[in-house]
Amino acid sequence: SADAFHEQSLKINISTIKNALAKRFRQEQIGRLGNCHIIYPAFSKASFEAIIQLELTKTQNKVKQLGIELHFDKSIISVIYSEGVFPTQGVRPLYTTIHQIIGSRLGKIISEQILSKDNASIHISWSRPDLVIDFISENQPLRTQRYTLILSLGKLRESTHDDMQAITAV
């Protein structure tokens, strides 16, 4: 998990780094690096969620320039986190997942709103297995669109508890 990886990364110090480098380089090469190392921890779950929220807020601000209100439900953060976070790989897979789930459909959603000319706000949520787009005007739902999301990472993370998994691991 991201939090477990974060906790492990907090235990890294200069000694740990020099020992790891000693397995790959000669001591004189390591000596040239000196003792100035930038050590930063891996992201925790809260950090990843903050990054997701930041990206969604950027998207909201861009759409707001078009005169359209865009709202994201907390379930969107949950699905993006579960599909996009690989703690050991940083944020690049997360950005890709945000684009895959939100960005790739945003053009169609916005054009639908502009063509309808009903001045509705757009509310985006996730209800397994669909991305749910609600167009709401004056607290009344006008219409709903659904896009089925094909989520694969959750299935890959589930344990199958079979012999083949153990054989492959060995």
Protein backbone atom coordinates (compact mmCIF):
# COMPACT_ATOMS: atom_id res chain seq x y z
CA SER A 1 0.00 0.00 0.00
CA ALA A 2 1.06 3.60 -0.42
CA ASP A 3 1.15 4.20 3.34
CA ALA A 4 3.33 1.13 3.99
CA PHE A 5 5.73 2.16 1.23
CA HIS A 6 5.77 5.70 2.63
CA GLU A 7 6.66 4.38 6.11
CA GLN A 8 9.49 2.27 4.69
CA SER A 9 10.87 5.23 2.76
CA LEU A 10 11.07 7.29 5.97
CA LYS A 11 13.68 4.83 7.29
CA ILE A 12 16.16 5.61 4.50
CA ASN A 13 19.25 7.58 5.57
CA ILE A 14 22.75 8.36 4.25
CA SER A 15 24.08 5.05 5.54
CA THR A 16 21.33 3.10 3.73
CA ILE A 17 22.08 4.95 0.50
CA LYS A 18 25.83 4.36 0.71
CA ASN A 19 25.31 0.66 1.39
CA ALA A 20 23.00 0.35 -1.61
CA LEU A 21 25.46 2.24 -3.82
CA ALA A 22 28.32 -0.01 -2.61
CA LYS A 23 26.56 -3.00 -4.20
CA ARG A 24 26.65 -1.27 -7.60
CA PHE A 25 29.74 0.98 -7.63
CA ARG A 26 33.32 1.08 -6.34
CA GLN A 27 34.04 3.03 -3.15
CA GLU A 28 36.04 5.72 -4.97
CA GLN A 29 33.06 6.37 -7.25
CA ILE A 30 30.74 6.65 -4.25
CA GLY A 31 33.21 8.99 -2.55
CA ARG A 32 32.93 11.44 -5.46
CA LEU A 33 29.25 11.90 -4.65
CA GLY A 34 30.09 13.32 -1.22
CA ASN A 35 27.55 13.41 1.57
CA CYS A 36 25.04 15.74 -0.04
CA HIS A 37 22.04 13.58 -0.88
CA ILE A 38 18.45 14.65 -1.33
CA ILE A 39 16.29 12.13 0.48
CA TYR A 40 12.56 12.42 0.15
CA PRO A 41 9.86 10.00 1.26
CA ALA A 42 7.50 8.18 -1.06
CA PHE A 43 3.96 9.55 -1.30
CA SER A 44 1.40 8.41 1.26
CA LYS A 45 -2.25 7.72 0.46
CA ALA A 46 -3.16 11.25 1.59
CA SER A 47 -0.53 12.68 -0.77
CA PHE A 48 -1.90 10.75 -3.74
CA GLU A 49 -5.45 11.83 -2.89
CA ALA A 50 -4.31 15.46 -2.66
CA ILE A 51 -2.72 15.17 -6.11
CA ILE A 52 -5.94 13.71 -7.52
CA GLN A 53 -7.96 16.54 -5.97
CA LEU A 54 -5.50 19.10 -7.36
CA GLU A 55 -5.85 17.70 -10.88
CA LEU A 56 -9.65 17.59 -10.63
CA THR A 57 -9.68 21.19 -9.42
CA LYS A 58 -7.53 22.21 -12.41
CA THR A 59 -10.05 20.52 -14.68
CA GLN A 60 -12.93 22.30 -12.95
CA ASN A 61 -11.20 25.66 -13.41
CA LYS A 62 -10.57 25.06 -17.12
CA VAL A 63 -14.20 24.10 -17.69
CA LYS A 64 -15.39 27.06 -15.63
CA GLN A 65 -13.71 29.36 -18.18
CA LEU A 66 -16.27 28.03 -20.66
CA GLY A 67 -19.07 29.05 -18.30
CA ILE A 68 -19.85 25.49 -17.20
CA GLU A 69 -19.94 24.34 -13.57
CA LEU A 70 -18.30 20.96 -13.07
CA HIS A 71 -18.48 18.98 -9.82
CA PHE A 72 -16.74 15.73 -8.88
CA ASP A 73 -18.12 13.33 -6.29
CA LYS A 74 -15.74 11.78 -3.74
CA SER A 75 -16.31 8.44 -5.44
CA ILE A 76 -14.26 9.74 -8.39
CA ILE A 77 -11.23 10.20 -6.13
CA SER A 78 -11.75 6.67 -4.86
CA VAL A 79 -11.89 5.03 -8.29
CA ILE A 80 -8.94 7.05 -9.61
CA TYR A 81 -6.89 6.12 -6.55
CA SER A 82 -7.72 2.43 -6.80
CA GLU A 83 -6.94 2.29 -10.52
CA GLY A 84 -4.06 4.71 -10.80
CA VAL A 85 -1.85 4.39 -7.75
CA PHE A 86 1.25 2.25 -8.01
CA PRO A 87 3.17 3.48 -4.94
CA THR A 88 6.57 2.39 -6.26
CA GLN A 89 6.07 4.19 -9.59
CA GLY A 90 5.20 7.70 -8.40
CA VAL A 91 2.52 9.88 -9.95
CA ARG A 92 2.93 9.24 -13.68
CA PRO A 93 0.48 6.29 -13.73
CA LEU A 94 -1.92 8.42 -11.70
CA TYR A 95 -1.93 11.21 -14.30
CA THR A 96 -2.54 8.66 -17.03
CA THR A 97 -5.50 7.22 -15.11
CA ILE A 98 -7.01 10.67 -14.53
CA HIS A 99 -6.81 11.30 -18.26
CA GLN A 100 -8.23 7.86 -19.05
CA ILE A 101 -11.21 8.18 -16.71
CA ILE A 102 -11.99 11.92 -16.89
CA GLY A 103 -10.00 13.65 -19.61
CA SER A 104 -10.84 11.31 -22.46
CA ARG A 105 -14.58 11.79 -21.93
CA LEU A 106 -14.59 15.46 -20.98
CA GLY A 107 -14.80 16.80 -24.54
CA LYS A 108 -17.92 14.78 -25.28
CA ILE A 109 -19.51 15.77 -21.96
CA ILE A 110 -18.83 19.47 -22.49
CA SER A 111 -20.05 19.45 -26.09
CA GLU A 112 -23.26 17.73 -24.93
CA GLN A 113 -23.75 20.51 -22.40
CA ILE A 114 -23.02 23.32 -24.87
CA LEU A 115 -25.36 21.87 -27.51
CA SER A 116 -28.22 21.45 -25.03
CA LYS A 117 -28.14 25.18 -24.09
CA ASP A 118 -29.91 24.48 -20.80
CA ASN A 119 -27.29 26.04 -18.47
CA ALA A 120 -27.04 22.90 -16.32
CA SER A 121 -24.11 22.10 -14.08
CA ILE A 122 -22.31 18.80 -14.58
CA HIS A 123 -21.94 16.36 -11.69
CA ILE A 124 -19.60 13.41 -12.21
CA SER A 125 -19.66 10.37 -9.94
CA TRP A 126 -18.83 6.69 -10.08
CA SER A 127 -21.29 3.91 -9.47
CA ARG A 128 -19.81 0.51 -10.20
CA PRO A 129 -19.18 -0.11 -13.11
CA ASP A 130 -20.24 3.23 -14.60
CA LEU A 131 -19.00 6.78 -14.69
CA VAL A 132 -22.25 8.69 -14.09
CA ILE A 133 -22.69 12.17 -15.56
CA ASP A 134 -25.68 14.09 -14.20
CA PHE A 135 -26.77 17.36 -15.76
CA ILE A 136 -28.51 19.38 -13.05
CA SER A 137 -30.30 22.72 -13.31
CA GLU A 138 -31.86 24.48 -10.33
CA ASN A 139 -31.37 21.34 -8.18
CA GLN A 140 -33.39 19.27 -10.66
CA PRO A 141 -31.74 16.49 -12.68
CA LEU A 142 -32.29 17.05 -16.39
CA ARG A 143 -30.55 14.02 -17.86
CA THR A 144 -27.95 11.39 -17.08
CA GLN A 145 -25.23 9.79 -19.16
CA ARG A 146 -23.37 6.64 -18.21
CA TYR A 147 -20.01 5.43 -19.44
CA THR A 148 -18.95 1.92 -18.47
CA LEU A 149 -15.42 1.92 -17.11
CA ILE A 150 -13.28 -1.11 -17.77
CA LEU A 151 -11.22 -1.29 -14.61
CA SER A 152 -8.51 -3.90 -14.56
CA LEU A 153 -6.18 -3.06 -11.71
CA GLY A 154 -8.59 -3.99 -8.93
CA LYS A 155 -8.94 -7.47 -10.40
CA LEU A 156 -5.17 -7.84 -10.73
CA ARG A 157 -4.63 -6.93 -7.07
CA GLU A 158 -7.09 -9.53 -5.81
CA SER A 159 -5.55 -12.76 -4.59
CA THR A 160 -6.77 -15.86 -6.41
CA HIS A 161 -5.55 -18.24 -3.67
CA ASP A 162 -4.75 -20.92 -6.20
CA ASP A 163 -1.77 -23.20 -6.67
CA MET A 164 -0.78 -21.55 -9.92
CA GLN A 165 -0.17 -18.26 -8.11
CA ALA A 166 2.17 -20.01 -5.66
CA ILE A 167 3.99 -21.86 -8.44
CA THR A 168 4.48 -18.63 -10.39
CA ALA A 169 5.76 -16.87 -7.28
CA VAL A 170 8.34 -19.60 -6.68
